[in-house]
N, C-alpha and C. Protein backbone atom coordinates (compact mmCIF):
# COMPACT_ATOMS: atom_id res chain seq x y z
N UNK A 1 38.12 -26.93 -9.89
CA UNK A 1 36.69 -26.87 -9.83
C UNK A 1 36.65 -27.02 -8.14
N UNK A 2 37.19 -27.74 -7.74
CA UNK A 2 37.05 -27.21 -6.07
C UNK A 2 37.22 -26.01 -5.86
N UNK A 3 38.13 -25.07 -6.08
CA UNK A 3 38.32 -23.52 -6.00
C UNK A 3 37.25 -22.59 -6.25
N UNK A 4 36.66 -23.74 -7.53
CA UNK A 4 35.40 -22.49 -7.94
C UNK A 4 34.27 -22.65 -7.24
N UNK A 5 34.20 -23.72 -6.82
CA UNK A 5 33.35 -23.88 -5.74
C UNK A 5 33.07 -23.38 -4.22
N UNK A 6 34.39 -23.93 -3.95
CA UNK A 6 34.40 -22.37 -2.87
C UNK A 6 34.45 -20.86 -3.15
N UNK A 7 34.53 -20.43 -4.05
CA UNK A 7 34.73 -19.35 -4.25
C UNK A 7 33.08 -18.96 -4.89
N UNK A 8 32.53 -19.95 -5.40
CA UNK A 8 31.23 -19.41 -4.88
C UNK A 8 30.19 -19.29 -3.77
N UNK A 9 30.66 -21.00 -3.04
CA UNK A 9 30.08 -20.35 -1.96
C UNK A 9 30.32 -19.55 -1.10
N UNK A 10 31.91 -19.04 -0.94
CA UNK A 10 31.94 -17.95 -0.33
C UNK A 10 31.37 -16.41 -0.64
N UNK A 11 30.95 -16.20 -2.36
CA UNK A 11 30.40 -15.28 -2.36
C UNK A 11 28.85 -14.92 -2.08
N UNK A 12 28.34 -16.47 -2.44
CA UNK A 12 27.23 -16.61 -1.67
C UNK A 12 26.85 -15.94 -0.65
N UNK A 13 27.78 -16.18 0.79
CA UNK A 13 27.63 -16.17 1.74
C UNK A 13 27.57 -14.70 1.84
N UNK A 14 28.72 -14.15 1.16
CA UNK A 14 28.70 -12.41 1.67
C UNK A 14 27.61 -11.89 1.26
N UNK A 15 27.32 -12.48 -0.11
CA UNK A 15 26.15 -11.49 -0.81
C UNK A 15 25.17 -11.60 0.50
N UNK A 16 24.94 -12.88 0.94
CA UNK A 16 23.75 -13.03 2.09
C UNK A 16 23.55 -12.24 3.45
N UNK A 17 25.11 -12.41 3.50
CA UNK A 17 25.37 -11.36 5.13
C UNK A 17 24.78 -9.96 5.03
N UNK A 18 25.63 -9.26 3.05
CA UNK A 18 25.29 -7.98 3.14
C UNK A 18 23.49 -7.93 2.96
N UNK A 19 22.35 -9.24 2.67
CA UNK A 19 21.51 -8.43 3.00
C UNK A 19 20.43 -8.64 3.94
N UNK A 20 21.00 -9.45 4.61
CA UNK A 20 20.35 -9.57 6.08
C UNK A 20 20.12 -8.11 6.93
N UNK A 21 19.03 -8.00 7.69
CA UNK A 21 18.80 -6.86 7.95
C UNK A 21 19.88 -7.04 9.25
N UNK A 22 20.28 -5.58 9.56
CA UNK A 22 21.30 -5.32 11.18
C UNK A 22 20.83 -6.02 12.22
N UNK A 23 21.60 -6.00 12.84
CA UNK A 23 21.61 -6.54 14.21
C UNK A 23 21.06 -4.84 15.23
N UNK A 24 20.66 -5.17 16.33
CA UNK A 24 20.33 -3.94 16.66
C UNK A 24 22.00 -3.11 17.23
N UNK A 25 22.70 -3.85 17.59
CA UNK A 25 24.08 -2.79 17.37
C UNK A 25 24.48 -2.19 16.18
N UNK A 26 24.28 -2.63 14.73
CA UNK A 26 24.44 -2.26 13.78
C UNK A 26 23.58 -0.79 13.53
N UNK A 27 22.75 -0.74 14.14
CA UNK A 27 21.98 -0.07 13.73
C UNK A 27 22.09 1.47 13.71
N UNK A 28 22.11 2.73 12.98
CA UNK A 28 22.63 3.77 13.53
C UNK A 28 21.64 4.49 15.03
N UNK A 29 22.14 5.23 15.56
CA UNK A 29 21.75 6.17 16.85
C UNK A 29 20.63 6.72 16.35
N UNK A 30 19.70 7.11 15.11
CA UNK A 30 18.74 7.49 14.77
C UNK A 30 17.60 6.51 14.07
N UNK A 31 18.12 4.90 13.61
CA UNK A 31 17.60 4.06 13.45
C UNK A 31 16.89 3.55 14.94
N UNK A 32 18.07 3.40 15.58
CA UNK A 32 17.31 3.00 17.01
C UNK A 32 16.25 3.39 17.36
N UNK A 33 16.53 4.72 17.36
CA UNK A 33 15.63 5.59 18.44
C UNK A 33 14.04 5.52 17.22
N UNK A 34 14.49 5.43 16.36
CA UNK A 34 12.65 4.85 15.45
C UNK A 34 12.26 3.48 15.72
N UNK A 35 13.30 2.80 16.24
CA UNK A 35 12.48 1.15 16.39
C UNK A 35 12.52 1.02 17.65
N UNK A 36 12.77 2.11 18.89
CA UNK A 36 12.88 1.66 20.05
C UNK A 36 12.01 0.45 20.40
N UNK A 37 11.26 0.69 20.19
CA UNK A 37 9.67 -0.43 20.80
C UNK A 37 10.10 -1.59 21.15
N UNK A 38 11.11 -2.06 19.52
CA UNK A 38 11.38 -3.42 19.31
C UNK A 38 12.76 -4.25 19.64
N UNK A 39 13.13 -2.61 20.83
CA UNK A 39 14.68 -3.39 21.10
C UNK A 39 14.95 -4.49 21.74
N UNK A 40 14.41 -4.53 22.76
CA UNK A 40 14.79 -5.94 23.32
C UNK A 40 14.41 -7.15 22.45
N UNK A 41 13.70 -7.10 21.99
CA UNK A 41 13.15 -8.34 21.30
C UNK A 41 13.86 -8.11 19.54
N UNK A 42 14.67 -7.24 19.04
CA UNK A 42 15.27 -6.94 17.58
C UNK A 42 15.69 -8.43 17.33
N UNK A 43 16.39 -8.67 18.01
CA UNK A 43 17.55 -9.73 17.13
C UNK A 43 17.18 -11.19 17.17
N UNK A 44 16.28 -10.95 18.62
CA UNK A 44 15.40 -12.78 18.32
C UNK A 44 14.21 -12.58 17.19
N UNK A 45 13.59 -11.13 16.56
CA UNK A 45 12.79 -11.41 15.55
C UNK A 45 13.39 -12.15 14.22
N UNK A 46 12.37 -12.77 13.29
CA UNK A 46 12.90 -13.59 12.38
C UNK A 46 12.98 -12.48 11.35
N UNK A 47 14.23 -12.67 10.41
CA UNK A 47 14.65 -11.56 9.34
C UNK A 47 13.33 -11.09 8.79
N UNK A 48 12.51 -11.91 8.63
CA UNK A 48 11.39 -11.34 7.31
C UNK A 48 10.66 -10.47 8.41
N UNK A 49 10.12 -10.49 9.44
CA UNK A 49 9.89 -9.50 10.61
C UNK A 49 11.21 -8.24 10.41
N UNK A 50 11.96 -8.39 10.91
CA UNK A 50 12.92 -6.88 11.01
C UNK A 50 12.83 -6.46 9.93
N UNK A 51 12.98 -7.08 8.21
CA UNK A 51 13.22 -6.23 7.09
C UNK A 51 11.72 -5.65 7.14
N UNK A 52 10.67 -5.95 7.39
CA UNK A 52 9.36 -5.58 7.30
C UNK A 52 9.45 -4.07 8.11
N UNK A 53 10.05 -3.99 8.96
CA UNK A 53 10.23 -2.86 9.89
C UNK A 53 11.13 -2.15 9.38
N UNK A 54 11.82 -2.47 8.92
CA UNK A 54 13.57 -1.75 9.15
C UNK A 54 12.77 -1.23 7.43
N UNK A 55 11.94 -1.25 6.58
CA UNK A 55 11.83 -0.96 5.38
C UNK A 55 10.78 0.15 6.07
N UNK A 56 9.71 0.14 6.62
CA UNK A 56 9.20 0.79 6.92
C UNK A 56 9.65 1.93 7.30
N UNK A 57 10.10 1.73 8.41
CA UNK A 57 11.26 2.98 9.21
C UNK A 57 11.70 3.54 8.33
N UNK A 58 12.12 3.37 7.21
CA UNK A 58 12.83 4.40 5.87
C UNK A 58 11.79 4.97 5.33
N UNK A 59 10.77 4.25 4.79
CA UNK A 59 10.12 4.85 4.21
C UNK A 59 9.14 5.95 5.09
N UNK A 60 9.06 5.92 6.24
CA UNK A 60 8.27 6.69 7.19
C UNK A 60 9.59 7.98 7.95
N UNK A 61 10.77 7.55 7.34
CA UNK A 61 11.72 8.75 7.83
C UNK A 61 12.05 9.66 6.46
N UNK A 62 11.56 9.38 5.47
CA UNK A 62 11.50 9.93 3.63
C UNK A 62 10.18 10.86 3.92
N UNK A 63 9.02 10.54 4.70
CA UNK A 63 7.58 11.00 3.97
C UNK A 63 8.13 12.92 4.54
N UNK A 64 7.53 13.45 4.23
CA UNK A 64 6.79 14.77 4.38
C UNK A 64 6.22 14.89 5.87
N UNK A 65 5.87 15.65 6.36
CA UNK A 65 5.25 16.40 7.53
C UNK A 65 3.74 16.36 7.27
N UNK A 66 3.35 15.91 6.28
CA UNK A 66 1.80 16.00 5.99
C UNK A 66 1.57 14.63 4.99
N UNK A 67 2.34 13.56 4.93
CA UNK A 67 2.50 12.78 4.62
C UNK A 67 2.30 11.85 5.92
N UNK A 68 3.11 12.08 6.77
CA UNK A 68 2.87 11.45 7.99
C UNK A 68 1.81 11.66 9.00
N UNK A 69 1.15 12.79 8.79
CA UNK A 69 0.07 12.98 9.24
C UNK A 69 -1.01 12.25 8.58
N UNK A 70 -1.44 12.04 7.23
CA UNK A 70 -1.89 11.58 6.37
C UNK A 70 -2.16 10.26 6.82
N UNK A 71 -0.58 9.80 7.06
CA UNK A 71 -0.52 8.21 7.53
C UNK A 71 -1.38 7.88 8.79
N UNK A 72 -0.40 8.70 10.01
CA UNK A 72 -1.45 8.39 10.94
C UNK A 72 -2.82 8.93 10.95
N UNK A 73 -3.82 9.84 10.13
CA UNK A 73 -5.09 9.88 9.83
C UNK A 73 -5.74 8.21 9.20
N UNK A 74 -4.69 7.97 8.28
CA UNK A 74 -5.48 6.57 8.21
C UNK A 74 -5.34 5.34 8.93
N UNK A 75 -4.31 5.42 9.68
CA UNK A 75 -3.69 4.42 10.57
C UNK A 75 -5.06 4.10 11.88
N UNK A 76 -5.43 5.41 12.09
CA UNK A 76 -6.59 5.93 12.99
C UNK A 76 -7.62 5.24 12.72
N UNK A 77 -8.33 5.66 11.73
CA UNK A 77 -9.64 5.12 10.79
C UNK A 77 -9.54 3.73 10.80
N UNK A 78 -8.54 2.90 10.54
CA UNK A 78 -8.30 1.48 10.41
C UNK A 78 -8.44 0.76 11.80
N UNK A 79 -7.85 1.26 12.36
CA UNK A 79 -7.95 0.97 14.23
C UNK A 79 -9.30 1.16 14.46
N UNK A 80 -10.24 2.22 14.33
CA UNK A 80 -11.28 2.54 14.40
C UNK A 80 -13.01 1.77 13.72
N UNK A 81 -12.20 0.26 12.87
CA UNK A 81 -13.38 -0.09 11.88
C UNK A 81 -12.95 -1.71 12.47
N UNK A 82 -13.91 -1.88 11.86
CA UNK A 82 -14.56 -3.47 12.99
C UNK A 82 -13.63 -4.73 12.60
N UNK A 83 -13.71 -5.77 12.67
CA UNK A 83 -12.68 -6.42 12.21
C UNK A 83 -13.13 -7.35 10.82
N UNK A 84 -14.57 -6.96 11.22
CA UNK A 84 -15.63 -6.90 9.46
C UNK A 84 -15.63 -6.41 8.63
N UNK A 85 -14.73 -4.77 9.15
CA UNK A 85 -14.81 -4.07 7.94
C UNK A 85 -13.40 -4.07 7.57
N UNK A 86 -12.52 -4.67 8.04
CA UNK A 86 -10.75 -4.66 7.66
C UNK A 86 -10.97 -5.81 6.93
N UNK A 87 -11.54 -7.37 7.23
CA UNK A 87 -11.37 -8.21 6.57
C UNK A 87 -11.76 -7.69 5.21
N UNK A 88 -13.22 -6.96 5.18
CA UNK A 88 -13.90 -6.54 3.78
C UNK A 88 -12.56 -5.55 3.04
N UNK A 89 -11.97 -4.81 3.80
CA UNK A 89 -10.85 -3.88 2.66
C UNK A 89 -9.62 -5.16 2.37
N UNK A 90 -9.08 -5.73 3.60
CA UNK A 90 -7.92 -6.61 2.63
C UNK A 90 -8.68 -7.91 2.13
N UNK A 91 -9.96 -8.01 1.47
CA UNK A 91 -10.47 -9.00 0.79
C UNK A 91 -10.04 -7.59 -0.92
N UNK A 92 -11.38 -6.87 -0.50
CA UNK A 92 -10.57 -6.25 -1.82
C UNK A 92 -9.70 -4.96 -2.72
N UNK A 93 -8.66 -5.08 -0.90
CA UNK A 93 -7.11 -4.72 -1.31
C UNK A 93 -6.32 -6.27 -2.62
N UNK A 94 -6.86 -7.36 -2.15
CA UNK A 94 -6.12 -8.72 -2.49
C UNK A 94 -6.83 -8.22 -4.06
N UNK A 95 -8.20 -8.13 -4.13
CA UNK A 95 -8.97 -8.93 -5.95
C UNK A 95 -8.22 -7.71 -6.47
N UNK A 96 -7.79 -6.63 -5.71
CA UNK A 96 -7.44 -5.76 -6.79
C UNK A 96 -6.05 -5.78 -7.54
N UNK A 97 -5.02 -6.05 -6.53
CA UNK A 97 -4.17 -7.06 -7.04
C UNK A 97 -3.83 -7.91 -7.80
N UNK A 98 -4.97 -8.52 -7.96
CA UNK A 98 -5.41 -9.82 -9.14
C UNK A 98 -5.39 -9.49 -10.18
N UNK A 99 -5.81 -8.45 -10.29
CA UNK A 99 -6.56 -7.73 -11.87
C UNK A 99 -4.67 -7.38 -12.67
N UNK A 100 -5.31 -7.78 -14.58
CA UNK A 100 -4.38 -6.96 -14.79
C UNK A 100 -4.16 -6.09 -14.41
N UNK A 101 -2.61 -5.70 -15.14
CA UNK A 101 -2.51 -3.75 -14.84
C UNK A 101 -3.02 -3.25 -15.48
N UNK A 102 -3.72 -3.48 -16.33
CA UNK A 102 -4.37 -2.18 -17.10
C UNK A 102 -5.38 -1.92 -16.58
N UNK A 103 -6.18 -3.11 -16.21
CA UNK A 103 -7.20 -2.52 -15.55
C UNK A 103 -7.40 -1.77 -13.94
N UNK A 104 -6.23 -2.40 -13.45
CA UNK A 104 -5.84 -1.89 -12.65
C UNK A 104 -5.90 0.31 -12.32
N UNK A 105 -4.54 -0.10 -13.89
CA UNK A 105 -5.41 1.39 -13.86
C UNK A 105 -6.22 2.08 -14.11
N UNK A 106 -6.83 1.84 -14.78
CA UNK A 106 -8.58 2.15 -15.38
C UNK A 106 -8.88 2.63 -13.86
N UNK A 107 -9.18 1.68 -13.24
CA UNK A 107 -10.06 1.51 -11.71
C UNK A 107 -8.79 3.19 -11.01
N UNK A 108 -7.50 3.28 -11.13
CA UNK A 108 -7.00 4.04 -10.43
C UNK A 108 -7.42 5.82 -11.24
N UNK A 109 -7.12 5.68 -12.43
CA UNK A 109 -7.85 6.71 -13.08
C UNK A 109 -9.08 7.36 -12.75
N UNK A 110 -10.30 6.49 -12.62
CA UNK A 110 -11.48 6.86 -12.12
C UNK A 110 -11.88 7.19 -10.82
N UNK A 111 -10.82 6.65 -10.00
CA UNK A 111 -10.81 7.17 -8.65
C UNK A 111 -10.12 8.72 -8.52
N UNK A 112 -9.55 8.61 -9.22
CA UNK A 112 -8.86 9.69 -9.62
C UNK A 112 -9.90 10.97 -10.01
N UNK A 113 -10.47 10.63 -11.27
CA UNK A 113 -11.81 11.40 -11.67
C UNK A 113 -12.33 11.77 -10.77
N UNK A 114 -12.86 10.93 -9.98
CA UNK A 114 -14.23 11.21 -8.92
C UNK A 114 -13.61 11.80 -7.78
N UNK A 115 -12.11 11.82 -7.32
CA UNK A 115 -11.56 12.82 -6.26
C UNK A 115 -11.60 14.26 -6.70
N UNK A 116 -11.20 14.47 -8.30
CA UNK A 116 -11.04 16.03 -8.44
C UNK A 116 -12.67 16.29 -8.50
N UNK A 117 -14.13 15.59 -8.81
CA UNK A 117 -15.19 16.58 -8.85
C UNK A 117 -15.29 16.94 -7.57
N UNK A 118 -16.45 18.13 -7.75
CA UNK A 118 -16.98 18.99 -6.47
C UNK A 118 -17.51 17.93 -5.74
N UNK A 119 -17.66 18.38 -4.93
CA UNK A 119 -18.16 17.66 -3.34
C UNK A 119 -19.79 16.71 -3.75
N UNK A 120 -20.46 17.61 -4.62
CA UNK A 120 -22.00 17.48 -4.84
C UNK A 120 -22.07 16.99 -5.86
N UNK A 121 -21.02 16.95 -6.26
CA UNK A 121 -21.38 15.75 -7.81
C UNK A 121 -20.76 14.22 -6.95
N UNK A 122 -19.98 14.24 -6.59
CA UNK A 122 -19.78 13.02 -5.94
C UNK A 122 -21.04 12.65 -4.93
N UNK A 123 -21.59 13.54 -4.26
CA UNK A 123 -22.63 13.08 -4.01
C UNK A 123 -23.54 12.59 -4.57
N UNK A 124 -23.92 13.18 -5.12
CA UNK A 124 -25.02 12.51 -6.62
C UNK A 124 -24.34 11.28 -7.25
N UNK A 125 -23.43 11.46 -7.26
CA UNK A 125 -22.30 9.83 -7.95
C UNK A 125 -22.86 8.28 -6.74
N UNK A 126 -22.41 9.02 -5.74
CA UNK A 126 -22.77 7.76 -5.08
C UNK A 126 -24.37 7.50 -4.62
N UNK A 127 -25.19 7.96 -4.41
CA UNK A 127 -26.77 7.91 -4.04
C UNK A 127 -27.33 7.39 -5.72
N UNK A 128 -26.75 7.71 -6.90
CA UNK A 128 -26.91 6.99 -8.10
C UNK A 128 -26.42 4.91 -7.94
N UNK A 129 -25.14 5.32 -7.36
CA UNK A 129 -24.71 3.76 -7.34
C UNK A 129 -25.42 2.92 -6.47
N UNK A 130 -25.47 3.89 -4.84
CA UNK A 130 -26.45 3.38 -4.21
C UNK A 130 -27.56 2.65 -4.94
N UNK A 131 -28.63 3.22 -5.39
CA UNK A 131 -29.93 2.99 -5.96
C UNK A 131 -29.86 1.98 -7.25
N UNK A 132 -28.33 1.82 -7.24
CA UNK A 132 -28.11 1.04 -9.01
C UNK A 132 -28.40 -0.72 -7.95
N UNK A 133 -29.18 -1.70 -9.12
CA UNK A 133 -28.64 -3.55 -8.39
C UNK A 133 -27.24 -3.86 -8.63
N UNK A 134 -27.15 -4.98 -8.52
CA UNK A 134 -26.09 -5.34 -8.72
C UNK A 134 -25.87 -5.99 -10.10
N UNK A 135 -26.53 -5.72 -10.61
CA UNK A 135 -26.23 -6.06 -11.96
C UNK A 135 -26.08 -4.99 -12.61
N UNK A 136 -26.72 -3.94 -12.52
CA UNK A 136 -26.45 -2.37 -13.58
C UNK A 136 -24.93 -2.26 -13.00
N UNK A 137 -24.47 -2.25 -11.63
CA UNK A 137 -23.48 -2.15 -10.91
C UNK A 137 -22.57 -2.35 -11.83
N UNK A 138 -22.09 -3.90 -12.13
CA UNK A 138 -21.54 -4.78 -12.95
C UNK A 138 -21.09 -4.33 -14.24
N UNK A 139 -22.29 -3.88 -14.89
CA UNK A 139 -22.45 -3.05 -16.13
C UNK A 139 -21.90 -2.18 -16.40
N UNK A 140 -21.77 -1.01 -15.61
CA UNK A 140 -21.04 0.03 -15.58
C UNK A 140 -19.65 -0.13 -15.13
N UNK A 141 -19.26 -1.40 -14.34
CA UNK A 141 -17.70 -1.48 -13.92
C UNK A 141 -16.99 -1.74 -15.85
N UNK A 142 -17.81 -2.33 -16.60
CA UNK A 142 -17.56 -3.19 -17.37
C UNK A 142 -17.43 -2.38 -18.51
N UNK A 143 -17.95 -0.42 -18.71
CA UNK A 143 -18.25 0.26 -19.13
C UNK A 143 -16.55 1.14 -19.28
N UNK A 144 -15.76 1.43 -20.31
CA UNK A 144 -15.19 2.56 -20.29
C UNK A 144 -15.28 3.69 -19.86
N UNK A 145 -14.67 4.47 -19.76
CA UNK A 145 -14.79 5.40 -19.55
C UNK A 145 -15.09 6.70 -20.54
N UNK A 146 -16.46 7.22 -20.45
CA UNK A 146 -16.69 8.04 -21.99
C UNK A 146 -15.78 9.45 -21.95
N UNK A 147 -15.80 9.78 -23.03
CA UNK A 147 -15.08 11.05 -22.77
C UNK A 147 -14.71 12.12 -22.30
N UNK A 148 -16.47 12.54 -22.03
CA UNK A 148 -17.07 13.35 -21.23
C UNK A 148 -16.79 13.49 -19.95
N UNK A 149 -16.24 11.87 -19.70
CA UNK A 149 -15.98 12.02 -17.90
C UNK A 149 -14.63 11.73 -17.86
N UNK A 150 -13.99 11.92 -18.59
CA UNK A 150 -12.20 12.47 -19.07
C UNK A 150 -12.07 13.42 -17.74
N UNK A 151 -12.45 14.19 -18.13
CA UNK A 151 -12.02 14.85 -17.77
C UNK A 151 -13.20 15.75 -16.07
N UNK A 152 -12.49 15.97 -15.28
CA UNK A 152 -13.07 15.78 -14.01
C UNK A 152 -13.82 17.52 -14.06
N UNK A 153 -14.97 17.41 -13.10
CA UNK A 153 -15.43 19.10 -13.21
C UNK A 153 -17.27 18.93 -14.74
N UNK A 154 -16.76 18.26 -15.71
CA UNK A 154 -17.66 18.25 -16.31
C UNK A 154 -18.86 17.23 -16.01
N UNK A 155 -20.01 17.49 -16.81
CA UNK A 155 -21.27 17.69 -16.28
C UNK A 155 -21.19 16.21 -17.07
N UNK A 156 -21.65 14.80 -16.44
CA UNK A 156 -22.22 14.02 -16.78
C UNK A 156 -23.88 13.90 -17.50
N UNK A 157 -23.99 13.39 -18.60
CA UNK A 157 -25.47 13.09 -19.43
C UNK A 157 -26.49 12.93 -18.58
């Protein structure tokens, strides 16, 4: 029994040490270069912060130049927003992720459909949306997409 406990504890320690993000000296030269901003304080950061930065760096390195450009554009747009606008977006993000998966999928489908519309059709729909009352907007959200709305570019009634 004692040997089993000792083996279990040893196994857990090995697993935990493998999962821990590396100390600065264990990072490759490319990783150190990508994370150079954090070099002086890397080993003192809490593990969650290091893990978050390390995963972000890996995601960045896998991006195409186009994806990196888009990410920079989105980040620039975010920095230009007021704190109130940022808070509103964070709240909407949290609301979205609290929705059931099927509702999230429906919203993504609607967003994709809208993006594929010609610009003038998008503008018409924006104007119509802005002219609606809160109640009309809520009713509109409850309706499933109509078949004629299923294909981008088709005219709405």
